[in-house]
Amino acid sequence: MQRTLLIGLAILLLSADTASADRGVALDLGKVEIEQALTPGGGYLLPPVGVRNPGNERTSYRMVVSSVTGQSRAPVPESWVHFSPGEVTLGPGQTRKVQTRLSLPTGADPGDYEGLLAAQIVTGGAGTQVGAAAAAKLTFEVESTTLLGAWWHKLSTASTEHAPWTWLVPAVLASALVVSQLRRRFSFRVEKRT
């Protein structure tokens, strides 16, 4: 009887579908190669990165910047790249676009830069865990400029990004100043005589 029970249990285990959790990550962008030289102090909107969950399990992904092993160009500093959102959670087969912005500081060193825009699987729990990642290669050149030129570029970029407020607010203030000056020069007094 025990032998029959063991054989039956073995057949049941072998015939049962095994449940496996599959987690993965894919990007819809292979590389971002910026051909024009970028100016320190500038902000640049890069193409959005599509993060896709090819697995069969709900998975969270964190957007990061890393360097390429053995690269000849300077690594892209993490503080220069901003992702919106910085972390996404996707169900099986879902895709989400992540906006990527490159903001060069006014003191950025001129030269060629290279890095990876990556989506890493967020792992939880205790102990060492390795999360898979997919990455798109980013390359660009920062041109040489003066500090004053970099600050001018930063201000012009900011005014373009925040339009119409960057010209509307100064226009309203200038109009108020003109009206105030006109009132001082041309004062009208109305008297009532009987």
Protein backbone atom coordinates (compact mmCIF):
# COMPACT_ATOMS: atom_id res chain seq x y z
CA MET A 1 0.00 0.00 0.00
CA GLN A 2 2.82 2.40 0.82
CA ARG A 3 4.45 1.57 -2.47
CA THR A 4 1.24 2.34 -4.39
CA LEU A 5 0.82 5.60 -2.47
CA LEU A 6 4.38 6.68 -3.32
CA ILE A 7 3.94 5.83 -7.02
CA GLY A 8 0.62 7.71 -7.11
CA LEU A 9 2.19 10.75 -5.42
CA ALA A 10 5.10 10.70 -7.89
CA ILE A 11 2.71 10.52 -10.88
CA LEU A 12 0.65 13.38 -9.44
CA LEU A 13 3.73 15.57 -8.95
CA LEU A 14 5.06 14.85 -12.44
CA SER A 15 1.74 15.51 -14.17
CA ALA A 16 0.94 18.74 -12.34
CA ASP A 17 1.72 22.04 -14.07
CA THR A 18 4.61 23.71 -12.39
CA ALA A 19 4.03 27.32 -11.50
CA SER A 20 7.00 29.49 -12.28
CA ALA A 21 7.40 33.20 -11.82
CA ASP A 22 9.19 34.91 -14.67
CA ARG A 23 10.52 38.44 -14.16
CA GLY A 24 12.29 40.37 -16.86
CA VAL A 25 12.76 43.81 -18.37
CA ALA A 26 12.99 45.23 -21.88
CA LEU A 27 13.48 48.71 -23.34
CA ASP A 28 12.18 50.02 -26.66
CA LEU A 29 15.27 52.19 -27.18
CA GLY A 30 18.73 50.85 -28.04
CA LYS A 31 20.83 54.00 -27.97
CA VAL A 32 20.67 57.78 -27.81
CA GLU A 33 23.45 59.35 -29.80
CA ILE A 34 23.44 63.17 -29.65
CA GLU A 35 25.40 64.51 -32.61
CA GLN A 36 25.44 68.24 -31.79
CA ALA A 37 27.80 69.53 -29.10
CA LEU A 38 25.89 70.41 -25.91
CA THR A 39 26.45 73.63 -23.95
CA PRO A 40 27.12 73.63 -20.19
CA GLY A 41 24.15 75.08 -18.31
CA GLY A 42 21.67 73.65 -20.84
CA GLY A 43 18.77 71.33 -20.30
CA TYR A 44 17.96 68.76 -22.97
CA LEU A 45 14.90 66.54 -23.27
CA LEU A 46 15.92 63.10 -24.54
CA PRO A 47 13.62 60.65 -26.33
CA PRO A 48 11.34 58.82 -23.87
CA VAL A 49 12.42 55.34 -22.83
CA GLY A 50 9.72 52.66 -23.07
CA VAL A 51 10.09 50.17 -20.21
CA ARG A 52 8.32 46.84 -20.85
CA ASN A 53 7.59 43.89 -18.58
CA PRO A 54 8.08 40.75 -20.73
CA GLY A 55 7.56 38.44 -17.74
CA ASN A 56 4.44 36.92 -16.23
CA GLU A 57 4.71 38.59 -12.81
CA ARG A 58 3.97 42.17 -11.67
CA THR A 59 7.41 43.82 -11.38
CA SER A 60 8.85 47.17 -10.25
CA TYR A 61 11.68 48.86 -12.13
CA ARG A 62 14.04 51.66 -11.06
CA MET A 63 15.61 53.97 -13.65
CA VAL A 64 19.36 54.46 -13.17
CA VAL A 65 22.46 55.77 -14.96
CA SER A 66 25.58 53.62 -15.08
CA SER A 67 28.82 53.46 -17.00
CA VAL A 68 30.01 51.08 -19.69
CA THR A 69 32.80 48.67 -18.71
CA GLY A 70 36.06 49.69 -20.37
CA GLN A 71 34.66 52.82 -21.96
CA SER A 72 37.03 55.38 -23.49
CA ARG A 73 34.73 58.38 -22.89
CA ALA A 74 33.99 60.07 -19.56
CA PRO A 75 31.12 58.51 -17.57
CA VAL A 76 27.83 60.44 -17.43
CA PRO A 77 27.34 61.67 -13.84
CA GLU A 78 24.10 60.42 -12.29
CA SER A 79 23.20 63.95 -11.16
CA TRP A 80 22.97 65.10 -14.79
CA VAL A 81 20.15 62.70 -15.73
CA HIS A 82 16.60 62.98 -14.41
CA PHE A 83 13.87 60.38 -15.03
CA SER A 84 10.16 61.04 -14.71
CA PRO A 85 8.99 58.80 -13.12
CA GLY A 86 12.09 57.37 -11.50
CA GLU A 87 10.39 54.07 -10.69
CA VAL A 88 7.53 52.18 -12.40
CA THR A 89 5.53 49.06 -11.58
CA LEU A 90 4.16 47.08 -14.52
CA GLY A 91 1.92 44.09 -14.92
CA PRO A 92 2.79 41.29 -17.37
CA GLY A 93 3.11 42.65 -20.91
CA GLN A 94 2.63 46.29 -19.89
CA THR A 95 4.81 49.16 -21.18
CA ARG A 96 5.32 52.66 -19.76
CA LYS A 97 7.17 55.63 -21.23
CA VAL A 98 9.72 57.31 -18.95
CA GLN A 99 10.74 60.89 -19.75
CA THR A 100 14.48 61.48 -19.60
CA ARG A 101 16.10 64.88 -19.17
CA LEU A 102 19.80 65.72 -19.38
CA SER A 103 20.71 68.83 -17.33
CA LEU A 104 24.31 69.97 -17.69
CA PRO A 105 25.69 72.11 -14.87
CA THR A 106 27.31 75.44 -15.77
CA GLY A 107 30.70 74.02 -14.73
CA ALA A 108 30.48 70.83 -16.83
CA ASP A 109 33.87 69.77 -18.19
CA PRO A 110 34.10 69.77 -21.99
CA GLY A 111 34.64 66.41 -23.68
CA ASP A 112 32.97 63.20 -24.82
CA TYR A 113 30.61 61.37 -22.45
CA GLU A 114 29.10 57.89 -22.47
CA GLY A 115 26.71 56.08 -20.16
CA LEU A 116 23.81 53.66 -19.88
CA LEU A 117 20.19 54.62 -19.22
CA ALA A 118 18.97 51.48 -17.47
CA ALA A 119 15.79 50.02 -16.02
CA GLN A 120 16.66 47.67 -13.15
CA ILE A 121 14.32 45.20 -11.52
CA VAL A 122 13.71 46.31 -7.94
CA THR A 123 14.40 43.38 -5.64
CA GLY A 124 13.18 43.08 -2.09
CA GLY A 125 13.94 40.96 0.90
CA ALA A 126 17.06 40.17 2.88
CA GLY A 127 20.34 38.88 1.57
CA THR A 128 22.11 39.45 -1.69
CA GLN A 129 19.83 39.54 -4.69
CA VAL A 130 20.69 40.20 -8.29
CA GLY A 131 18.13 42.09 -10.34
CA ALA A 132 18.11 42.01 -14.12
CA ALA A 133 18.43 45.23 -16.09
CA ALA A 134 18.10 46.48 -19.67
CA ALA A 135 19.92 49.58 -20.87
CA ALA A 136 20.17 52.06 -23.71
CA LYS A 137 23.57 53.59 -24.52
CA LEU A 138 23.83 57.40 -24.28
CA THR A 139 26.66 59.34 -25.96
CA PHE A 140 27.19 63.08 -26.31
CA GLU A 141 29.83 65.81 -26.36
CA VAL A 142 29.98 68.87 -24.10
CA GLU A 143 31.46 71.90 -25.84
CA SER A 144 33.92 74.29 -24.27
CA THR A 145 32.44 77.62 -23.17
CA THR A 146 33.06 80.41 -20.69
CA LEU A 147 31.28 80.44 -17.35
CA LEU A 148 29.36 83.56 -18.41
CA GLY A 149 28.27 81.80 -21.62
CA ALA A 150 27.14 78.77 -19.61
CA TRP A 151 25.05 80.93 -17.25
CA TRP A 152 23.52 82.79 -20.21
CA HIS A 153 22.59 79.45 -21.81
CA LYS A 154 21.09 78.23 -18.52
CA LEU A 155 18.92 81.37 -18.21
CA SER A 156 17.74 81.20 -21.83
CA THR A 157 16.92 77.49 -21.49
CA ALA A 158 14.96 78.15 -18.27
CA SER A 159 13.01 81.01 -19.89
CA THR A 160 12.08 78.80 -22.85
CA GLU A 161 10.98 75.91 -20.62
CA HIS A 162 8.79 78.06 -18.37
CA ALA A 163 7.14 80.16 -21.09
CA PRO A 164 4.78 82.03 -21.11
CA TRP A 165 5.41 82.94 -17.47
CA THR A 166 8.99 84.04 -18.12
CA TRP A 167 7.82 86.84 -20.40
CA LEU A 168 4.30 87.39 -19.06
CA VAL A 169 5.30 88.26 -15.48
CA PRO A 170 7.99 90.83 -16.53
CA ALA A 171 5.52 92.34 -19.05
CA VAL A 172 2.87 92.81 -16.34
CA LEU A 173 5.44 94.33 -13.95
CA ALA A 174 6.74 96.69 -16.67
CA SER A 175 3.16 97.76 -17.51
CA ALA A 176 2.44 98.48 -13.85
CA LEU A 177 5.61 100.57 -13.63
CA VAL A 178 4.65 102.60 -16.73
CA VAL A 179 1.13 103.22 -15.41
CA SER A 180 2.58 104.29 -12.05
CA GLN A 181 4.96 106.75 -13.73
CA LEU A 182 2.19 108.17 -15.93
CA ARG A 183 -0.02 108.76 -12.89
CA ARG A 184 2.75 110.73 -11.19
CA ARG A 185 3.37 112.96 -14.23
CA PHE A 186 -0.21 113.56 -15.19
CA SER A 187 -2.23 113.99 -12.09
CA PHE A 188 -5.80 115.09 -12.58
CA ARG A 189 -7.78 116.89 -9.99
CA VAL A 190 -11.51 117.24 -10.27
CA GLU A 191 -13.10 120.04 -8.27
CA LYS A 192 -16.73 120.65 -7.77
CA ARG A 193 -17.78 124.35 -7.75
CA THR A 194 -21.17 125.64 -6.86
